[in-house]
Amino acid sequence: MKTNEIKKGMKIQTNQLGMLVNGEMLDNKKGNIRMISTKGTEAGFFDSMGSVYAYQIILVEVDGEWIRVEHTDKQLKLKQTVDVLYAG
C-alpha cells in the first residue's frame, strides 16, 4: 500500500521518534507530509498529534494485518535530502 492510499482512521506505525511507534492517520491528504496521532509514550515521549514525512510511515494495518508501506520516488528523494541536512 502506498502512503497516498492510507486514509483517516487507519492504524499506522511510524519511525519519526527513532523506533516504531503506533499511531493513527488523521487526514486523507496525499503528498510528502501527513497528519497523524502518535503514541509517543511507547518510546518514552508524550502522545501527540502532528505532521510527519510520509516516508516515516512504515507499516499500516489492513484487515487486521500489518503491511509494509510503499514510498514513492519523490518521498524517498525527500528522505535523502533530509538525511543529508541532519547529517552535517
PDB file of N, CA and C in Angstrom:
ATOM      1  N   MET A   1       0.843  -1.176   0.000  1.00  0.00           N
ATOM      2  CA  MET A   1       0.000   0.000   0.000  1.00  0.00           C
ATOM      3  C   MET A   1       0.888   1.239   0.000  1.00  0.00           C
ATOM      4  N   LYS A   2       0.548   2.189  -0.826  1.00  0.00           N
ATOM      5  CA  LYS A   2       1.282   3.451  -0.882  1.00  0.00           C
ATOM      6  C   LYS A   2       0.746   4.408   0.186  1.00  0.00           C
ATOM      7  N   THR A   3       1.576   5.347   0.602  1.00  0.00           N
ATOM      8  CA  THR A   3       1.153   6.285   1.644  1.00  0.00           C
ATOM      9  C   THR A   3      -0.078   7.080   1.217  1.00  0.00           C
ATOM     10  N   ASN A   4      -0.200   7.362  -0.065  1.00  0.00           N
ATOM     11  CA  ASN A   4      -1.356   8.124  -0.539  1.00  0.00           C
ATOM     12  C   ASN A   4      -2.659   7.344  -0.440  1.00  0.00           C
ATOM     13  N   GLU A   5      -2.580   6.044  -0.230  1.00  0.00           N
ATOM     14  CA  GLU A   5      -3.777   5.211  -0.096  1.00  0.00           C
ATOM     15  C   GLU A   5      -4.213   5.059   1.361  1.00  0.00           C
ATOM     16  N   ILE A   6      -3.405   5.530   2.288  1.00  0.00           N
ATOM     17  CA  ILE A   6      -3.747   5.438   3.706  1.00  0.00           C
ATOM     18  C   ILE A   6      -4.781   6.513   4.017  1.00  0.00           C
ATOM     19  N   LYS A   7      -5.877   6.100   4.626  1.00  0.00           N
ATOM     20  CA  LYS A   7      -6.995   7.000   4.889  1.00  0.00           C
ATOM     21  C   LYS A   7      -7.115   7.327   6.379  1.00  0.00           C
ATOM     22  N   LYS A   8      -7.822   8.398   6.653  1.00  0.00           N
ATOM     23  CA  LYS A   8      -8.078   8.844   8.018  1.00  0.00           C
ATOM     24  C   LYS A   8      -8.663   7.696   8.841  1.00  0.00           C
ATOM     25  N   GLY A   9      -8.120   7.513  10.043  1.00  0.00           N
ATOM     26  CA  GLY A   9      -8.607   6.483  10.949  1.00  0.00           C
ATOM     27  C   GLY A   9      -7.844   5.172  10.883  1.00  0.00           C
ATOM     28  N   MET A  10      -7.021   4.985   9.856  1.00  0.00           N
ATOM     29  CA  MET A  10      -6.260   3.739   9.748  1.00  0.00           C
ATOM     30  C   MET A  10      -5.123   3.731  10.769  1.00  0.00           C
ATOM     31  N   LYS A  11      -4.848   2.554  11.324  1.00  0.00           N
ATOM     32  CA  LYS A  11      -3.748   2.396  12.268  1.00  0.00           C
ATOM     33  C   LYS A  11      -2.441   2.299  11.490  1.00  0.00           C
ATOM     34  N   ILE A  12      -1.428   2.978  12.017  1.00  0.00           N
ATOM     35  CA  ILE A  12      -0.125   3.005  11.358  1.00  0.00           C
ATOM     36  C   ILE A  12       0.979   2.811  12.381  1.00  0.00           C
ATOM     37  N   GLN A  13       2.176   2.527  11.887  1.00  0.00           N
ATOM     38  CA  GLN A  13       3.379   2.538  12.710  1.00  0.00           C
ATOM     39  C   GLN A  13       4.393   3.421  11.993  1.00  0.00           C
ATOM     40  N   THR A  14       4.992   4.331  12.767  1.00  0.00           N
ATOM     41  CA  THR A  14       5.924   5.303  12.204  1.00  0.00           C
ATOM     42  C   THR A  14       7.260   5.233  12.936  1.00  0.00           C
ATOM     43  N   ASN A  15       8.290   5.822  12.320  1.00  0.00           N
ATOM     44  CA  ASN A  15       9.620   5.773  12.933  1.00  0.00           C
ATOM     45  C   ASN A  15      10.209   7.148  13.230  1.00  0.00           C
ATOM     46  N   GLN A  16       9.385   8.189  13.261  1.00  0.00           N
ATOM     47  CA  GLN A  16       9.914   9.540  13.459  1.00  0.00           C
ATOM     48  C   GLN A  16      10.516   9.753  14.841  1.00  0.00           C
ATOM     49  N   LEU A  17      10.252   8.876  15.791  1.00  0.00           N
ATOM     50  CA  LEU A  17      10.806   9.009  17.139  1.00  0.00           C
ATOM     51  C   LEU A  17      12.031   8.119  17.350  1.00  0.00           C
ATOM     52  N   GLY A  18      12.543   7.540  16.272  1.00  0.00           N
ATOM     53  CA  GLY A  18      13.739   6.717  16.372  1.00  0.00           C
ATOM     54  C   GLY A  18      13.461   5.237  16.542  1.00  0.00           C
ATOM     55  N   MET A  19      12.215   4.884  16.718  1.00  0.00           N
ATOM     56  CA  MET A  19      11.787   3.489  16.805  1.00  0.00           C
ATOM     57  C   MET A  19      10.340   3.434  16.327  1.00  0.00           C
ATOM     58  N   LEU A  20       9.860   2.246  16.014  1.00  0.00           N
ATOM     59  CA  LEU A  20       8.473   2.135  15.564  1.00  0.00           C
ATOM     60  C   LEU A  20       7.516   2.384  16.721  1.00  0.00           C
ATOM     61  N   VAL A  21       6.559   3.268  16.496  1.00  0.00           N
ATOM     62  CA  VAL A  21       5.500   3.537  17.467  1.00  0.00           C
ATOM     63  C   VAL A  21       4.163   3.507  16.740  1.00  0.00           C
ATOM     64  N   ASN A  22       3.131   3.143  17.464  1.00  0.00           N
ATOM     65  CA  ASN A  22       1.789   3.080  16.898  1.00  0.00           C
ATOM     66  C   ASN A  22       1.187   4.466  16.773  1.00  0.00           C
ATOM     67  N   GLY A  23       0.262   4.580  15.848  1.00  0.00           N
ATOM     68  CA  GLY A  23      -0.434   5.838  15.662  1.00  0.00           C
ATOM     69  C   GLY A  23      -1.673   5.648  14.813  1.00  0.00           C
ATOM     70  N   GLU A  24      -2.281   6.768  14.485  1.00  0.00           N
ATOM     71  CA  GLU A  24      -3.487   6.760  13.663  1.00  0.00           C
ATOM     72  C   GLU A  24      -3.405   7.896  12.658  1.00  0.00           C
ATOM     73  N   MET A  25      -3.799   7.615  11.435  1.00  0.00           N
ATOM     74  CA  MET A  25      -3.810   8.638  10.396  1.00  0.00           C
ATOM     75  C   MET A  25      -4.953   9.608  10.670  1.00  0.00           C
ATOM     76  N   LEU A  26      -4.667  10.901  10.589  1.00  0.00           N
ATOM     77  CA  LEU A  26      -5.676  11.915  10.878  1.00  0.00           C
ATOM     78  C   LEU A  26      -6.136  12.693   9.652  1.00  0.00           C
ATOM     79  N   ASP A  27      -5.631  12.351   8.478  1.00  0.00           N
ATOM     80  CA  ASP A  27      -6.064  13.067   7.277  1.00  0.00           C
ATOM     81  C   ASP A  27      -6.212  12.114   6.097  1.00  0.00           C
ATOM     82  N   ASN A  28      -6.736  12.643   5.024  1.00  0.00           N
ATOM     83  CA  ASN A  28      -6.870  11.894   3.769  1.00  0.00           C
ATOM     84  C   ASN A  28      -6.028  12.527   2.667  1.00  0.00           C
ATOM     85  N   LYS A  29      -5.045  13.320   3.054  1.00  0.00           N
ATOM     86  CA  LYS A  29      -4.239  14.044   2.078  1.00  0.00           C
ATOM     87  C   LYS A  29      -3.302  13.118   1.313  1.00  0.00           C
ATOM     88  N   LYS A  30      -2.732  13.660   0.280  1.00  0.00           N
ATOM     89  CA  LYS A  30      -1.699  12.971  -0.483  1.00  0.00           C
ATOM     90  C   LYS A  30      -0.464  13.852  -0.463  1.00  0.00           C
ATOM     91  N   GLY A  31       0.698  13.240  -0.635  1.00  0.00           N
ATOM     92  CA  GLY A  31       1.913  14.039  -0.701  1.00  0.00           C
ATOM     93  C   GLY A  31       2.959  13.605   0.297  1.00  0.00           C
ATOM     94  N   ASN A  32       3.898  14.516   0.557  1.00  0.00           N
ATOM     95  CA  ASN A  32       5.066  14.198   1.376  1.00  0.00           C
ATOM     96  C   ASN A  32       4.864  14.382   2.868  1.00  0.00           C
ATOM     97  N   ILE A  33       3.825  15.076   3.270  1.00  0.00           N
ATOM     98  CA  ILE A  33       3.597  15.334   4.692  1.00  0.00           C
ATOM     99  C   ILE A  33       2.180  14.926   5.050  1.00  0.00           C
ATOM    100  N   ARG A  34       2.057  14.160   6.150  1.00  0.00           N
ATOM    101  CA  ARG A  34       0.746  13.675   6.597  1.00  0.00           C
ATOM    102  C   ARG A  34       0.547  14.008   8.069  1.00  0.00           C
ATOM    103  N   MET A  35      -0.703  14.136   8.476  1.00  0.00           N
ATOM    104  CA  MET A  35      -1.056  14.439   9.863  1.00  0.00           C
ATOM    105  C   MET A  35      -1.423  13.135  10.574  1.00  0.00           C
ATOM    106  N   ILE A  36      -0.791  12.920  11.740  1.00  0.00           N
ATOM    107  CA  ILE A  36      -1.043  11.692  12.491  1.00  0.00           C
ATOM    108  C   ILE A  36      -1.203  11.985  13.980  1.00  0.00           C
ATOM    109  N   SER A  37      -1.753  11.020  14.670  1.00  0.00           N
ATOM    110  CA  SER A  37      -1.727  10.967  16.127  1.00  0.00           C
ATOM    111  C   SER A  37      -0.769   9.836  16.459  1.00  0.00           C
ATOM    112  N   THR A  38       0.180  10.088  17.350  1.00  0.00           N
ATOM    113  CA  THR A  38       1.190   9.075  17.637  1.00  0.00           C
ATOM    114  C   THR A  38       1.241   8.747  19.122  1.00  0.00           C
ATOM    115  N   LYS A  39       1.542   7.513  19.423  1.00  0.00           N
ATOM    116  CA  LYS A  39       1.665   7.033  20.801  1.00  0.00           C
ATOM    117  C   LYS A  39       3.120   7.169  21.244  1.00  0.00           C
ATOM    118  N   GLY A  40       3.542   8.398  21.454  1.00  0.00           N
ATOM    119  CA  GLY A  40       4.918   8.671  21.854  1.00  0.00           C
ATOM    120  C   GLY A  40       5.303   8.020  23.170  1.00  0.00           C
ATOM    121  N   THR A  41       4.309   7.714  24.010  1.00  0.00           N
ATOM    122  CA  THR A  41       4.606   7.072  25.296  1.00  0.00           C
ATOM    123  C   THR A  41       5.254   5.699  25.102  1.00  0.00           C
ATOM    124  N   GLU A  42       5.071   5.102  23.945  1.00  0.00           N
ATOM    125  CA  GLU A  42       5.717   3.819  23.660  1.00  0.00           C
ATOM    126  C   GLU A  42       7.235   3.969  23.541  1.00  0.00           C
ATOM    127  N   ALA A  43       7.697   5.204  23.304  1.00  0.00           N
ATOM    128  CA  ALA A  43       9.130   5.471  23.147  1.00  0.00           C
ATOM    129  C   ALA A  43       9.654   6.388  24.249  1.00  0.00           C
ATOM    130  N   GLY A  44       8.860   6.582  25.302  1.00  0.00           N
ATOM    131  CA  GLY A  44       9.299   7.421  26.408  1.00  0.00           C
ATOM    132  C   GLY A  44       9.019   8.901  26.221  1.00  0.00           C
ATOM    133  N   PHE A  45       8.188   9.253  25.246  1.00  0.00           N
ATOM    134  CA  PHE A  45       7.814  10.638  24.993  1.00  0.00           C
ATOM    135  C   PHE A  45       6.337  10.820  25.338  1.00  0.00           C
ATOM    136  N   PHE A  46       5.758  11.907  24.883  1.00  0.00           N
ATOM    137  CA  PHE A  46       4.336  12.158  25.082  1.00  0.00           C
ATOM    138  C   PHE A  46       3.545  11.701  23.864  1.00  0.00           C
ATOM    139  N   ASP A  47       2.309  11.280  24.081  1.00  0.00           N
ATOM    140  CA  ASP A  47       1.399  11.059  22.962  1.00  0.00           C
ATOM    141  C   ASP A  47       1.084  12.430  22.373  1.00  0.00           C
ATOM    142  N   SER A  48       1.032  12.506  21.064  1.00  0.00           N
ATOM    143  CA  SER A  48       0.770  13.805  20.445  1.00  0.00           C
ATOM    144  C   SER A  48       0.207  13.628  19.045  1.00  0.00           C
ATOM    145  N   MET A  49      -0.159  14.745  18.458  1.00  0.00           N
ATOM    146  CA  MET A  49      -0.574  14.740  17.062  1.00  0.00           C
ATOM    147  C   MET A  49       0.237  15.794  16.337  1.00  0.00           C
ATOM    148  N   GLY A  50       0.491  15.526  15.074  1.00  0.00           N
ATOM    149  CA  GLY A  50       1.271  16.468  14.292  1.00  0.00           C
ATOM    150  C   GLY A  50       1.622  15.889  12.939  1.00  0.00           C
ATOM    151  N   SER A  51       2.473  16.597  12.247  1.00  0.00           N
ATOM    152  CA  SER A  51       2.862  16.206  10.895  1.00  0.00           C
ATOM    153  C   SER A  51       4.102  15.322  10.911  1.00  0.00           C
ATOM    154  N   VAL A  52       4.121  14.368   9.999  1.00  0.00           N
ATOM    155  CA  VAL A  52       5.314  13.552   9.763  1.00  0.00           C
ATOM    156  C   VAL A  52       5.544  13.488   8.263  1.00  0.00           C
ATOM    157  N   TYR A  53       6.791  13.242   7.900  1.00  0.00           N
ATOM    158  CA  TYR A  53       7.070  12.977   6.494  1.00  0.00           C
ATOM    159  C   TYR A  53       6.454  11.631   6.132  1.00  0.00           C
ATOM    160  N   ALA A  54       5.919  11.534   4.941  1.00  0.00           N
ATOM    161  CA  ALA A  54       5.268  10.299   4.502  1.00  0.00           C
ATOM    162  C   ALA A  54       6.225   9.110   4.552  1.00  0.00           C
ATOM    163  N   TYR A  55       7.521   9.350   4.307  1.00  0.00           N
ATOM    164  CA  TYR A  55       8.475   8.234   4.333  1.00  0.00           C
ATOM    165  C   TYR A  55       8.688   7.688   5.743  1.00  0.00           C
ATOM    166  N   GLN A  56       8.204   8.398   6.762  1.00  0.00           N
ATOM    167  CA  GLN A  56       8.318   7.919   8.141  1.00  0.00           C
ATOM    168  C   GLN A  56       7.180   6.973   8.521  1.00  0.00           C
ATOM    169  N   ILE A  57       6.211   6.810   7.642  1.00  0.00           N
ATOM    170  CA  ILE A  57       5.125   5.851   7.863  1.00  0.00           C
ATOM    171  C   ILE A  57       5.607   4.519   7.305  1.00  0.00           C
ATOM    172  N   ILE A  58       5.809   3.557   8.176  1.00  0.00           N
ATOM    173  CA  ILE A  58       6.456   2.303   7.792  1.00  0.00           C
ATOM    174  C   ILE A  58       5.453   1.164   7.590  1.00  0.00           C
ATOM    175  N   LEU A  59       4.486   1.049   8.487  1.00  0.00           N
ATOM    176  CA  LEU A  59       3.509  -0.036   8.423  1.00  0.00           C
ATOM    177  C   LEU A  59       2.096   0.524   8.539  1.00  0.00           C
ATOM    178  N   VAL A  60       1.147  -0.161   7.937  1.00  0.00           N
ATOM    179  CA  VAL A  60      -0.265   0.195   8.042  1.00  0.00           C
ATOM    180  C   VAL A  60      -1.054  -1.088   8.280  1.00  0.00           C
ATOM    181  N   GLU A  61      -2.072  -0.992   9.122  1.00  0.00           N
ATOM    182  CA  GLU A  61      -2.902  -2.165   9.404  1.00  0.00           C
ATOM    183  C   GLU A  61      -4.055  -2.217   8.403  1.00  0.00           C
ATOM    184  N   VAL A  62      -4.134  -3.339   7.689  1.00  0.00           N
ATOM    185  CA  VAL A  62      -5.195  -3.558   6.708  1.00  0.00           C
ATOM    186  C   VAL A  62      -5.826  -4.911   7.004  1.00  0.00           C
ATOM    187  N   ASP A  63      -7.111  -4.910   7.281  1.00  0.00           N
ATOM    188  CA  ASP A  63      -7.838  -6.147   7.591  1.00  0.00           C
ATOM    189  C   ASP A  63      -7.163  -6.945   8.703  1.00  0.00           C
ATOM    190  N   GLY A  64      -6.686  -6.247   9.725  1.00  0.00           N
ATOM    191  CA  GLY A  64      -6.092  -6.904  10.884  1.00  0.00           C
ATOM    192  C   GLY A  64      -4.651  -7.338  10.722  1.00  0.00           C
ATOM    193  N   GLU A  65      -4.041  -7.053   9.580  1.00  0.00           N
ATOM    194  CA  GLU A  65      -2.645  -7.433   9.342  1.00  0.00           C
ATOM    195  C   GLU A  65      -1.809  -6.197   9.047  1.00  0.00           C
ATOM    196  N   TRP A  66      -0.582  -6.199   9.573  1.00  0.00           N
ATOM    197  CA  TRP A  66       0.338  -5.098   9.313  1.00  0.00           C
ATOM    198  C   TRP A  66       1.063  -5.348   7.996  1.00  0.00           C
ATOM    199  N   ILE A  67       1.014  -4.362   7.113  1.00  0.00           N
ATOM    200  CA  ILE A  67       1.725  -4.477   5.842  1.00  0.00           C
ATOM    201  C   ILE A  67       2.677  -3.294   5.680  1.00  0.00           C
ATOM    202  N   ARG A  68       3.768  -3.537   4.970  1.00  0.00           N
ATOM    203  CA  ARG A  68       4.782  -2.502   4.748  1.00  0.00           C
ATOM    204  C   ARG A  68       4.262  -1.479   3.743  1.00  0.00           C
ATOM    205  N   VAL A  69       4.546  -0.230   4.031  1.00  0.00           N
ATOM    206  CA  VAL A  69       4.131   0.874   3.169  1.00  0.00           C
ATOM    207  C   VAL A  69       5.146   1.045   2.040  1.00  0.00           C
ATOM    208  N   GLU A  70       4.644   1.281   0.842  1.00  0.00           N
ATOM    209  CA  GLU A  70       5.498   1.580  -0.310  1.00  0.00           C
ATOM    210  C   GLU A  70       5.611   3.094  -0.437  1.00  0.00           C
ATOM    211  N   HIS A  71       6.839   3.578  -0.565  1.00  0.00           N
ATOM    212  CA  HIS A  71       7.060   5.010  -0.710  1.00  0.00           C
ATOM    213  C   HIS A  71       7.361   5.341  -2.167  1.00  0.00           C
ATOM    214  N   THR A  72       6.931   6.519  -2.572  1.00  0.00           N
ATOM    215  CA  THR A  72       7.169   6.956  -3.946  1.00  0.00           C
ATOM    216  C   THR A  72       8.621   7.399  -4.103  1.00  0.00           C
ATOM    217  N   ASP A  73       9.061   7.510  -5.337  1.00  0.00           N
ATOM    218  CA  ASP A  73      10.416   8.006  -5.601  1.00  0.00           C
ATOM    219  C   ASP A  73      10.598   9.409  -5.027  1.00  0.00           C
ATOM    220  N   LYS A  74       9.571  10.228  -5.133  1.00  0.00           N
ATOM    221  CA  LYS A  74       9.628  11.598  -4.610  1.00  0.00           C
ATOM    222  C   LYS A  74       9.808  11.583  -3.084  1.00  0.00           C
ATOM    223  N   GLN A  75       9.100  10.696  -2.403  1.00  0.00           N
ATOM    224  CA  GLN A  75       9.220  10.601  -0.946  1.00  0.00           C
ATOM    225  C   GLN A  75      10.602  10.097  -0.544  1.00  0.00           C
ATOM    226  N   LEU A  76      11.135   9.147  -1.283  1.00  0.00           N
ATOM    227  CA  LEU A  76      12.468   8.620  -0.979  1.00  0.00           C
ATOM    228  C   LEU A  76      13.551   9.659  -1.256  1.00  0.00           C
ATOM    229  N   LYS A  77      13.347  10.472  -2.282  1.00  0.00           N
ATOM    230  CA  LYS A  77      14.303  11.546  -2.569  1.00  0.00           C
ATOM    231  C   LYS A  77      14.283  12.583  -1.445  1.00  0.00           C
ATOM    232  N   LEU A  78      13.098  12.896  -0.944  1.00  0.00           N
ATOM    233  CA  LEU A  78      12.991  13.821   0.183  1.00  0.00           C
ATOM    234  C   LEU A  78      13.719  13.261   1.400  1.00  0.00           C
ATOM    235  N   LYS A  79      13.586  11.964   1.642  1.00  0.00           N
ATOM    236  CA  LYS A  79      14.283  11.329   2.767  1.00  0.00           C
ATOM    237  C   LYS A  79      15.792  11.515   2.635  1.00  0.00           C
ATOM    238  N   GLN A  80      16.317  11.315   1.436  1.00  0.00           N
ATOM    239  CA  GLN A  80      17.753  11.510   1.211  1.00  0.00           C
ATOM    240  C   GLN A  80      18.163  12.949   1.504  1.00  0.00           C
ATOM    241  N   THR A  81      17.357  13.893   1.059  1.00  0.00           N
ATOM    242  CA  THR A  81      17.651  15.308   1.286  1.00  0.00           C
ATOM    243  C   THR A  81      17.650  15.635   2.776  1.00  0.00           C
ATOM    244  N   VAL A  82      16.646  15.165   3.489  1.00  0.00           N
ATOM    245  CA  VAL A  82      16.548  15.420   4.930  1.00  0.00           C
ATOM    246  C   VAL A  82      17.706  14.753   5.668  1.00  0.00           C
ATOM    247  N   ASP A  83      18.046  13.534   5.277  1.00  0.00           N
ATOM    248  CA  ASP A  83      19.168  12.832   5.912  1.00  0.00           C
ATOM    249  C   ASP A  83      20.470  13.615   5.755  1.00  0.00           C
ATOM    250  N   VAL A  84      20.694  14.187   4.578  1.00  0.00           N
ATOM    251  CA  VAL A  84      21.904  14.980   4.338  1.00  0.00           C
ATOM    252  C   VAL A  84      21.894  16.238   5.206  1.00  0.00           C
ATOM    253  N   LEU A  85      20.754  16.890   5.304  1.00  0.00           N
ATOM    254  CA  LEU A  85      20.660  18.117   6.107  1.00  0.00           C
ATOM    255  C   LEU A  85      20.958  17.861   7.582  1.00  0.00           C
ATOM    256  N   TYR A  86      20.490  16.743   8.107  1.00  0.00           N
ATOM    257  CA  TYR A  86      20.684  16.449   9.526  1.00  0.00           C
ATOM    258  C   TYR A  86      21.996  15.731   9.816  1.00  0.00           C
ATOM    259  N   ALA A  87      22.683  15.273   8.783  1.00  0.00           N
ATOM    260  CA  ALA A  87      23.956  14.578   8.990  1.00  0.00           C
ATOM    261  C   ALA A  87      25.087  15.559   9.279  1.00  0.00           C
ATOM    262  N   GLY A  88      24.940  16.783   8.830  1.00  0.00           N
ATOM    263  CA  GLY A  88      26.015  17.758   8.949  1.00  0.00           C
ATOM    264  C   GLY A  88      25.924  18.531  10.184  1.00  0.00           C
TER     265      GLY A  88
END
